[in-house]
Amino acid sequence: MVFELGFIKPLLTNVVLPPAAPLLLAFMGLLLAKKSRKRIGLGLVALSLAALWLLACHGTAVWLARHALPQFQATTADELKTRQVQAIVVLGGGLLLGAPEYGGLPQPAAYTAARLRYGVWLARQSNLPVAFTGGVGWAADGMQPLSEADVAGHVALQDYGFKLRWLETASRDTWENAHLLAPLLLKDGVQRIALVTDAWHMPRSVAAFERAGFIVTPAPMGFAQPIESPLLQWLPSAQGLQISRQVLRECLGLAVARLMPID
């Protein structure tokens, strides 16, 4: 049952998150408006469009990131030393399945590339080894020829001259990131880790890795920050919608984890 639900999880997630959710609500409003409930239907359409506008604003995205999720501060190499961290763990964030400019070879998507870069930088500051965890996500559905970890290992060596010590290549989500990487690290006596992922992804990631038996020092990156003038912050943008969507996805994931804990 878990196996089957994993494959429909991306579909369910997309349906309940923006932009699909507000658009489906607007469509329902149009149907109601045509069936003699014009006022209610048009009200739903207006509400849906207003919600979509707000969620697509970068100002809304920043507010959600700072208030809807637990907050973590950036870390330093000195803090990792003080907390006796033994290794840095970088979480995958997706692949570009075929990049024509690289001869059609898979490349790290934006989230993966940013996490990998920060993980390598933090490793050089702290002289700690790095583990990367990421396989083939549920949504790939047979389209992904290589795991995220395999691609990350190649890119780290080729672009940064840095060899990743551990590569976990089978995980499909955050829970599996933690529980499939655990045997590799614990076998080498690694229990205290610094966890690298985007700030909005950190609450769920910390919970997963702590359940897997690790003592976790969060090493967040990719913070949602104001990047435009006040006027532009409240105009819809693809970037604003993407961040809002990621934050709401994490809120949903935390809620599901509380209702249906996996051990």
C-alpha atoms as a PDB file:
ATOM      1  CA  MET A   1       0.000   0.000   0.000  1.00  0.00           C
ATOM      2  CA  VAL A   2       2.839   2.432   0.846  1.00  0.00           C
ATOM      3  CA  PHE A   3       4.423   1.598  -2.517  1.00  0.00           C
ATOM      4  CA  GLU A   4       1.221   2.381  -4.417  1.00  0.00           C
ATOM      5  CA  LEU A   5       0.487   5.548  -2.478  1.00  0.00           C
ATOM      6  CA  GLY A   6       4.004   6.801  -3.182  1.00  0.00           C
ATOM      7  CA  PHE A   7       3.336   6.907  -6.902  1.00  0.00           C
ATOM      8  CA  ILE A   8       0.078   8.886  -6.566  1.00  0.00           C
ATOM      9  CA  LYS A   9       1.586  11.257  -3.983  1.00  0.00           C
ATOM     10  CA  PRO A  10       2.903  13.731  -6.612  1.00  0.00           C
ATOM     11  CA  LEU A  11      -0.529  13.836  -8.252  1.00  0.00           C
ATOM     12  CA  LEU A  12      -2.378  14.452  -4.987  1.00  0.00           C
ATOM     13  CA  THR A  13       0.174  17.057  -3.936  1.00  0.00           C
ATOM     14  CA  ASN A  14      -0.201  18.982  -7.180  1.00  0.00           C
ATOM     15  CA  VAL A  15      -3.999  18.977  -6.943  1.00  0.00           C
ATOM     16  CA  VAL A  16      -4.140  20.485  -3.436  1.00  0.00           C
ATOM     17  CA  LEU A  17      -1.417  23.103  -3.953  1.00  0.00           C
ATOM     18  CA  PRO A  18      -1.313  26.278  -6.062  1.00  0.00           C
ATOM     19  CA  PRO A  19      -1.726  26.965  -8.876  1.00  0.00           C
ATOM     20  CA  ALA A  20      -3.974  23.920  -9.423  1.00  0.00           C
ATOM     21  CA  ALA A  21      -6.070  24.292  -6.249  1.00  0.00           C
ATOM     22  CA  PRO A  22      -7.189  27.921  -6.832  1.00  0.00           C
ATOM     23  CA  LEU A  23      -7.806  27.211 -10.523  1.00  0.00           C
ATOM     24  CA  LEU A  24      -9.953  24.168  -9.712  1.00  0.00           C
ATOM     25  CA  LEU A  25     -11.895  26.255  -7.196  1.00  0.00           C
ATOM     26  CA  ALA A  26     -12.451  28.936  -9.836  1.00  0.00           C
ATOM     27  CA  PHE A  27     -13.685  26.290 -12.269  1.00  0.00           C
ATOM     28  CA  MET A  28     -16.154  25.037  -9.665  1.00  0.00           C
ATOM     29  CA  GLY A  29     -17.328  28.610  -9.207  1.00  0.00           C
ATOM     30  CA  LEU A  30     -17.988  28.952 -12.930  1.00  0.00           C
ATOM     31  CA  LEU A  31     -20.019  25.734 -12.893  1.00  0.00           C
ATOM     32  CA  LEU A  32     -22.096  26.985  -9.963  1.00  0.00           C
ATOM     33  CA  ALA A  33     -22.636  30.338 -11.683  1.00  0.00           C
ATOM     34  CA  LYS A  34     -24.091  28.520 -14.695  1.00  0.00           C
ATOM     35  CA  LYS A  35     -26.442  26.482 -12.494  1.00  0.00           C
ATOM     36  CA  SER A  36     -28.561  29.305 -11.054  1.00  0.00           C
ATOM     37  CA  ARG A  37     -26.138  29.998  -8.177  1.00  0.00           C
ATOM     38  CA  LYS A  38     -24.530  32.946  -9.849  1.00  0.00           C
ATOM     39  CA  ARG A  39     -23.654  34.945  -6.726  1.00  0.00           C
ATOM     40  CA  ILE A  40     -21.997  32.022  -4.915  1.00  0.00           C
ATOM     41  CA  GLY A  41     -20.222  30.897  -8.073  1.00  0.00           C
ATOM     42  CA  LEU A  42     -18.834  34.314  -8.929  1.00  0.00           C
ATOM     43  CA  GLY A  43     -17.794  34.739  -5.301  1.00  0.00           C
ATOM     44  CA  LEU A  44     -15.756  31.557  -5.513  1.00  0.00           C
ATOM     45  CA  VAL A  45     -14.138  32.717  -8.756  1.00  0.00           C
ATOM     46  CA  ALA A  46     -13.194  36.071  -7.195  1.00  0.00           C
ATOM     47  CA  LEU A  47     -11.844  34.375  -4.055  1.00  0.00           C
ATOM     48  CA  SER A  48      -9.797  31.927  -6.118  1.00  0.00           C
ATOM     49  CA  LEU A  49      -8.257  34.608  -8.310  1.00  0.00           C
ATOM     50  CA  ALA A  50      -7.454  36.787  -5.281  1.00  0.00           C
ATOM     51  CA  ALA A  51      -5.777  33.831  -3.542  1.00  0.00           C
ATOM     52  CA  LEU A  52      -3.764  33.010  -6.662  1.00  0.00           C
ATOM     53  CA  TRP A  53      -2.674  36.661  -6.990  1.00  0.00           C
ATOM     54  CA  LEU A  54      -1.529  36.840  -3.359  1.00  0.00           C
ATOM     55  CA  LEU A  55       0.264  33.489  -3.431  1.00  0.00           C
ATOM     56  CA  ALA A  56       2.147  34.576  -6.553  1.00  0.00           C
ATOM     57  CA  CYS A  57       3.490  37.707  -4.816  1.00  0.00           C
ATOM     58  CA  HIS A  58       7.047  37.488  -3.515  1.00  0.00           C
ATOM     59  CA  GLY A  59       6.004  39.455  -0.440  1.00  0.00           C
ATOM     60  CA  THR A  60       3.467  36.758   0.457  1.00  0.00           C
ATOM     61  CA  ALA A  61       6.044  34.035  -0.150  1.00  0.00           C
ATOM     62  CA  VAL A  62       8.552  35.661   2.216  1.00  0.00           C
ATOM     63  CA  TRP A  63       5.874  36.151   4.886  1.00  0.00           C
ATOM     64  CA  LEU A  64       4.772  32.515   4.630  1.00  0.00           C
ATOM     65  CA  ALA A  65       8.351  31.251   4.784  1.00  0.00           C
ATOM     66  CA  ARG A  66       9.001  33.246   7.951  1.00  0.00           C
ATOM     67  CA  HIS A  67       5.711  32.618   9.777  1.00  0.00           C
ATOM     68  CA  ALA A  68       4.193  29.333   8.586  1.00  0.00           C
ATOM     69  CA  LEU A  69       7.225  27.125   9.296  1.00  0.00           C
ATOM     70  CA  PRO A  70       9.685  26.642  12.184  1.00  0.00           C
ATOM     71  CA  GLN A  71      12.739  28.824  11.684  1.00  0.00           C
ATOM     72  CA  PHE A  72      16.414  27.821  11.572  1.00  0.00           C
ATOM     73  CA  GLN A  73      19.441  30.103  11.572  1.00  0.00           C
ATOM     74  CA  ALA A  74      22.402  29.768   9.227  1.00  0.00           C
ATOM     75  CA  THR A  75      25.313  27.824  10.704  1.00  0.00           C
ATOM     76  CA  THR A  76      29.098  28.282  10.652  1.00  0.00           C
ATOM     77  CA  ALA A  77      32.145  26.020  10.565  1.00  0.00           C
ATOM     78  CA  ASP A  78      32.875  26.984  14.190  1.00  0.00           C
ATOM     79  CA  GLU A  79      29.408  25.854  15.245  1.00  0.00           C
ATOM     80  CA  LEU A  80      29.888  22.519  13.496  1.00  0.00           C
ATOM     81  CA  LYS A  81      33.137  22.040  15.401  1.00  0.00           C
ATOM     82  CA  THR A  82      31.533  22.996  18.709  1.00  0.00           C
ATOM     83  CA  ARG A  83      28.717  20.500  18.147  1.00  0.00           C
ATOM     84  CA  GLN A  84      31.219  17.789  17.135  1.00  0.00           C
ATOM     85  CA  VAL A  85      29.634  17.237  13.734  1.00  0.00           C
ATOM     86  CA  GLN A  86      31.183  14.273  11.934  1.00  0.00           C
ATOM     87  CA  ALA A  87      29.810  14.706   8.394  1.00  0.00           C
ATOM     88  CA  ILE A  88      27.781  17.003   6.160  1.00  0.00           C
ATOM     89  CA  VAL A  89      24.665  15.559   4.524  1.00  0.00           C
ATOM     90  CA  VAL A  90      23.270  17.221   1.389  1.00  0.00           C
ATOM     91  CA  LEU A  91      19.717  16.451   0.266  1.00  0.00           C
ATOM     92  CA  GLY A  92      18.873  16.218  -3.420  1.00  0.00           C
ATOM     93  CA  GLY A  93      16.292  18.566  -4.907  1.00  0.00           C
ATOM     94  CA  GLY A  94      15.634  17.228  -8.400  1.00  0.00           C
ATOM     95  CA  LEU A  95      17.351  16.822 -11.760  1.00  0.00           C
ATOM     96  CA  LEU A  96      17.167  18.338 -15.225  1.00  0.00           C
ATOM     97  CA  LEU A  97      16.608  15.081 -17.074  1.00  0.00           C
ATOM     98  CA  GLY A  98      18.122  16.103 -20.388  1.00  0.00           C
ATOM     99  CA  ALA A  99      20.207  19.258 -20.741  1.00  0.00           C
ATOM    100  CA  PRO A 100      20.961  19.846 -24.465  1.00  0.00           C
ATOM    101  CA  GLU A 101      23.824  22.183 -23.620  1.00  0.00           C
ATOM    102  CA  TYR A 102      25.513  19.283 -21.783  1.00  0.00           C
ATOM    103  CA  GLY A 103      24.971  16.783 -24.573  1.00  0.00           C
ATOM    104  CA  GLY A 104      21.637  15.654 -23.168  1.00  0.00           C
ATOM    105  CA  LEU A 105      23.156  14.408 -19.898  1.00  0.00           C
ATOM    106  CA  PRO A 106      21.152  14.868 -16.657  1.00  0.00           C
ATOM    107  CA  GLN A 107      22.210  17.861 -14.579  1.00  0.00           C
ATOM    108  CA  PRO A 108      21.340  19.063 -11.068  1.00  0.00           C
ATOM    109  CA  ALA A 109      18.176  21.168 -10.964  1.00  0.00           C
ATOM    110  CA  ALA A 110      18.420  24.594  -9.349  1.00  0.00           C
ATOM    111  CA  TYR A 111      17.674  23.397  -5.800  1.00  0.00           C
ATOM    112  CA  THR A 112      20.106  20.485  -6.062  1.00  0.00           C
ATOM    113  CA  ALA A 113      22.877  22.636  -7.544  1.00  0.00           C
ATOM    114  CA  ALA A 114      22.541  25.282  -4.834  1.00  0.00           C
ATOM    115  CA  ARG A 115      22.507  22.708  -2.020  1.00  0.00           C
ATOM    116  CA  LEU A 116      25.513  20.900  -3.462  1.00  0.00           C
ATOM    117  CA  ARG A 117      27.504  24.105  -3.850  1.00  0.00           C
ATOM    118  CA  TYR A 118      26.811  25.126  -0.264  1.00  0.00           C
ATOM    119  CA  GLY A 119      27.587  21.640   1.024  1.00  0.00           C
ATOM    120  CA  VAL A 120      30.984  21.643  -0.709  1.00  0.00           C
ATOM    121  CA  TRP A 121      31.710  25.177   0.518  1.00  0.00           C
ATOM    122  CA  LEU A 122      30.799  24.250   4.104  1.00  0.00           C
ATOM    123  CA  ALA A 123      32.911  21.101   3.878  1.00  0.00           C
ATOM    124  CA  ARG A 124      35.957  23.091   2.841  1.00  0.00           C
ATOM    125  CA  GLN A 125      35.399  25.530   5.692  1.00  0.00           C
ATOM    126  CA  SER A 126      35.067  22.738   8.253  1.00  0.00           C
ATOM    127  CA  ASN A 127      37.246  19.937   6.782  1.00  0.00           C
ATOM    128  CA  LEU A 128      34.329  17.506   7.041  1.00  0.00           C
ATOM    129  CA  PRO A 129      33.363  14.749   4.578  1.00  0.00           C
ATOM    130  CA  VAL A 130      30.124  14.999   2.604  1.00  0.00           C
ATOM    131  CA  ALA A 131      27.285  12.565   1.986  1.00  0.00           C
ATOM    132  CA  PHE A 132      24.696  13.148  -0.730  1.00  0.00           C
ATOM    133  CA  THR A 133      21.307  11.452  -0.658  1.00  0.00           C
ATOM    134  CA  GLY A 134      18.903  11.349  -3.605  1.00  0.00           C
ATOM    135  CA  GLY A 135      17.649   8.629  -5.901  1.00  0.00           C
ATOM    136  CA  VAL A 136      14.840   8.741  -8.444  1.00  0.00           C
ATOM    137  CA  GLY A 137      11.827  10.714  -7.216  1.00  0.00           C
ATOM    138  CA  TRP A 138       8.268   9.387  -7.232  1.00  0.00           C
ATOM    139  CA  ALA A 139       7.303  11.850  -9.976  1.00  0.00           C
ATOM    140  CA  ALA A 140      10.035  10.709 -12.392  1.00  0.00           C
ATOM    141  CA  ASP A 141       7.991   7.616 -13.402  1.00  0.00           C
ATOM    142  CA  GLY A 142      10.815   5.869 -15.276  1.00  0.00           C
ATOM    143  CA  MET A 143      12.044   9.014 -17.046  1.00  0.00           C
ATOM    144  CA  GLN A 144      15.169   9.488 -14.900  1.00  0.00           C
ATOM    145  CA  PRO A 145      18.154   7.386 -16.101  1.00  0.00           C
ATOM    146  CA  LEU A 146      20.514   8.293 -13.235  1.00  0.00           C
ATOM    147  CA  SER A 147      20.036   8.992  -9.546  1.00  0.00           C
ATOM    148  CA  GLU A 148      20.453  12.491  -8.139  1.00  0.00           C
ATOM    149  CA  ALA A 149      23.382  11.234  -6.057  1.00  0.00           C
ATOM    150  CA  ASP A 150      25.220   9.839  -9.085  1.00  0.00           C
ATOM    151  CA  VAL A 151      24.843  13.132 -10.935  1.00  0.00           C
ATOM    152  CA  ALA A 152      25.835  15.148  -7.857  1.00  0.00           C
ATOM    153  CA  GLY A 153      28.951  13.027  -7.341  1.00  0.00           C
ATOM    154  CA  HIS A 154      30.039  13.618 -10.927  1.00  0.00           C
ATOM    155  CA  VAL A 155      29.347  17.370 -10.803  1.00  0.00           C
ATOM    156  CA  ALA A 156      31.095  17.824  -7.442  1.00  0.00           C
ATOM    157  CA  LEU A 157      34.232  16.145  -8.767  1.00  0.00           C
ATOM    158  CA  GLN A 158      34.193  17.784 -12.195  1.00  0.00           C
ATOM    159  CA  ASP A 159      33.172  21.331 -11.244  1.00  0.00           C
ATOM    160  CA  TYR A 160      34.530  21.677  -7.700  1.00  0.00           C
ATOM    161  CA  GLY A 161      37.314  19.080  -7.598  1.00  0.00           C
ATOM    162  CA  PHE A 162      35.632  17.612  -4.520  1.00  0.00           C
ATOM    163  CA  LYS A 163      34.860  13.922  -3.970  1.00  0.00           C
ATOM    164  CA  LEU A 164      31.678  13.049  -2.082  1.00  0.00           C
ATOM    165  CA  ARG A 165      32.432  10.264   0.387  1.00  0.00           C
ATOM    166  CA  TRP A 166      28.949   8.703   0.592  1.00  0.00           C
ATOM    167  CA  LEU A 167      26.320   8.477  -2.161  1.00  0.00           C
ATOM    168  CA  GLU A 168      22.831   7.169  -1.394  1.00  0.00           C
ATOM    169  CA  THR A 169      21.117   6.478  -4.724  1.00  0.00           C
ATOM    170  CA  ALA A 170      17.790   4.739  -3.975  1.00  0.00           C
ATOM    171  CA  SER A 171      15.665   7.210  -1.987  1.00  0.00           C
ATOM    172  CA  ARG A 172      12.514   8.756  -3.472  1.00  0.00           C
ATOM    173  CA  ASP A 173      11.499  11.282  -0.808  1.00  0.00           C
ATOM    174  CA  THR A 174      12.723  12.970   2.357  1.00  0.00           C
ATOM    175  CA  TRP A 175      11.817  10.095   4.685  1.00  0.00           C
ATOM    176  CA  GLU A 176      13.739   7.644   2.496  1.00  0.00           C
ATOM    177  CA  ASN A 177      16.655  10.110   2.238  1.00  0.00           C
ATOM    178  CA  ALA A 178      17.127   9.732   5.979  1.00  0.00           C
ATOM    179  CA  HIS A 179      16.373   6.048   6.457  1.00  0.00           C
ATOM    180  CA  LEU A 180      18.334   4.753   3.459  1.00  0.00           C
ATOM    181  CA  LEU A 181      21.380   6.906   4.172  1.00  0.00           C
ATOM    182  CA  ALA A 182      21.454   5.914   7.843  1.00  0.00           C
ATOM    183  CA  PRO A 183      23.047   2.450   7.359  1.00  0.00           C
ATOM    184  CA  LEU A 184      25.849   3.940   5.240  1.00  0.00           C
ATOM    185  CA  LEU A 185      26.809   6.572   7.802  1.00  0.00           C
ATOM    186  CA  LEU A 186      26.147   4.626  10.990  1.00  0.00           C
ATOM    187  CA  LYS A 187      28.341   1.792   9.667  1.00  0.00           C
ATOM    188  CA  ASP A 188      31.218   4.306   9.629  1.00  0.00           C
ATOM    189  CA  GLY A 189      30.366   5.569  13.104  1.00  0.00           C
ATOM    190  CA  VAL A 190      28.780   8.818  11.898  1.00  0.00           C
ATOM    191  CA  GLN A 191      25.872   9.928  14.065  1.00  0.00           C
ATOM    192  CA  ARG A 192      26.336  13.714  14.349  1.00  0.00           C
ATOM    193  CA  ILE A 193      25.572  15.398  11.041  1.00  0.00           C
ATOM    194  CA  ALA A 194      25.103  18.849   9.571  1.00  0.00           C
ATOM    195  CA  LEU A 195      22.050  18.756   7.323  1.00  0.00           C
ATOM    196  CA  VAL A 196      22.071  20.904   4.162  1.00  0.00           C
ATOM    197  CA  THR A 197      18.804  21.744   2.431  1.00  0.00           C
ATOM    198  CA  ASP A 198      16.662  24.802   1.710  1.00  0.00           C
ATOM    199  CA  ALA A 199      15.398  26.659   4.771  1.00  0.00           C
ATOM    200  CA  TRP A 200      11.754  25.902   3.893  1.00  0.00           C
ATOM    201  CA  HIS A 201      12.583  22.174   3.643  1.00  0.00           C
ATOM    202  CA  MET A 202      14.532  22.004   6.901  1.00  0.00           C
ATOM    203  CA  PRO A 203      11.745  21.326   9.480  1.00  0.00           C
ATOM    204  CA  ARG A 204      10.553  18.121   7.815  1.00  0.00           C
ATOM    205  CA  SER A 205      14.121  17.053   6.988  1.00  0.00           C
ATOM    206  CA  VAL A 206      15.371  17.467  10.555  1.00  0.00           C
ATOM    207  CA  ALA A 207      12.438  15.417  11.851  1.00  0.00           C
ATOM    208  CA  ALA A 208      13.138  12.621   9.347  1.00  0.00           C
ATOM    209  CA  PHE A 209      16.864  12.411  10.122  1.00  0.00           C
ATOM    210  CA  GLU A 210      16.337  12.536  13.866  1.00  0.00           C
ATOM    211  CA  ARG A 211      13.904   9.633  13.548  1.00  0.00           C
ATOM    212  CA  ALA A 212      16.565   7.764  11.605  1.00  0.00           C
ATOM    213  CA  GLY A 213      18.906   8.012  14.599  1.00  0.00           C
ATOM    214  CA  PHE A 214      21.035  11.079  13.815  1.00  0.00           C
ATOM    215  CA  ILE A 215      21.945  14.054  15.989  1.00  0.00           C
ATOM    216  CA  VAL A 216      21.246  16.888  13.565  1.00  0.00           C
ATOM    217  CA  THR A 217      22.750  20.346  13.255  1.00  0.00           C
ATOM    218  CA  PRO A 218      20.652  22.252  10.693  1.00  0.00           C
ATOM    219  CA  ALA A 219      22.683  23.958   7.966  1.00  0.00           C
ATOM    220  CA  PRO A 220      19.944  25.754   6.016  1.00  0.00           C
ATOM    221  CA  MET A 221      20.441  27.704   2.810  1.00  0.00           C
ATOM    222  CA  GLY A 222      18.148  29.180   0.158  1.00  0.00           C
ATOM    223  CA  PHE A 223      16.353  31.517   2.577  1.00  0.00           C
ATOM    224  CA  ALA A 224      13.330  33.398   1.224  1.00  0.00           C
ATOM    225  CA  GLN A 225      14.409  37.054   1.249  1.00  0.00           C
ATOM    226  CA  PRO A 226      12.945  40.317  -0.099  1.00  0.00           C
ATOM    227  CA  ILE A 227      14.685  40.847  -3.439  1.00  0.00           C
ATOM    228  CA  GLU A 228      12.627  43.558  -5.119  1.00  0.00           C
ATOM    229  CA  SER A 229      11.174  47.007  -4.471  1.00  0.00           C
ATOM    230  CA  PRO A 230       8.050  47.131  -2.251  1.00  0.00           C
ATOM    231  CA  LEU A 231       5.816  47.667  -5.278  1.00  0.00           C
ATOM    232  CA  LEU A 232       7.211  44.725  -7.241  1.00  0.00           C
ATOM    233  CA  GLN A 233       6.979  42.477  -4.188  1.00  0.00           C
ATOM    234  CA  TRP A 234       3.182  42.656  -4.423  1.00  0.00           C
ATOM    235  CA  LEU A 235       2.890  41.983  -8.128  1.00  0.00           C
ATOM    236  CA  PRO A 236       2.483  38.310  -9.111  1.00  0.00           C
ATOM    237  CA  SER A 237       5.558  36.484 -10.364  1.00  0.00           C
ATOM    238  CA  ALA A 238       6.492  32.906 -11.164  1.00  0.00           C
ATOM    239  CA  GLN A 239       9.218  33.041  -8.513  1.00  0.00           C
ATOM    240  CA  GLY A 240       6.797  34.198  -5.820  1.00  0.00           C
ATOM    241  CA  LEU A 241       4.335  31.443  -6.691  1.00  0.00           C
ATOM    242  CA  GLN A 242       7.092  28.817  -6.629  1.00  0.00           C
ATOM    243  CA  ILE A 243       8.274  29.788  -3.138  1.00  0.00           C
ATOM    244  CA  SER A 244       4.709  29.994  -1.777  1.00  0.00           C
ATOM    245  CA  ARG A 245       4.017  26.576  -3.229  1.00  0.00           C
ATOM    246  CA  GLN A 246       7.125  25.068  -1.627  1.00  0.00           C
ATOM    247  CA  VAL A 247       6.274  26.524   1.792  1.00  0.00           C
ATOM    248  CA  LEU A 248       2.672  25.297   1.618  1.00  0.00           C
ATOM    249  CA  ARG A 249       3.920  21.881   0.468  1.00  0.00           C
ATOM    250  CA  GLU A 250       6.114  21.659   3.566  1.00  0.00           C
ATOM    251  CA  CYS A 251       3.233  22.739   5.811  1.00  0.00           C
ATOM    252  CA  LEU A 252       1.141  19.981   4.256  1.00  0.00           C
ATOM    253  CA  GLY A 253       3.955  17.456   4.706  1.00  0.00           C
ATOM    254  CA  LEU A 254       4.370  18.361   8.391  1.00  0.00           C
ATOM    255  CA  ALA A 255       0.623  18.056   8.962  1.00  0.00           C
ATOM    256  CA  VAL A 256       0.495  14.644   7.291  1.00  0.00           C
ATOM    257  CA  ALA A 257       3.509  13.484   9.311  1.00  0.00           C
ATOM    258  CA  ARG A 258       1.727  14.420  12.551  1.00  0.00           C
ATOM    259  CA  LEU A 259      -1.435  12.586  11.509  1.00  0.00           C
ATOM    260  CA  MET A 260       0.290   9.562   9.963  1.00  0.00           C
ATOM    261  CA  PRO A 261       3.706   9.117  11.610  1.00  0.00           C
ATOM    262  CA  ILE A 262       6.052   6.696   9.840  1.00  0.00           C
ATOM    263  CA  ASP A 263       8.589   4.809  11.957  1.00  0.00           C
END
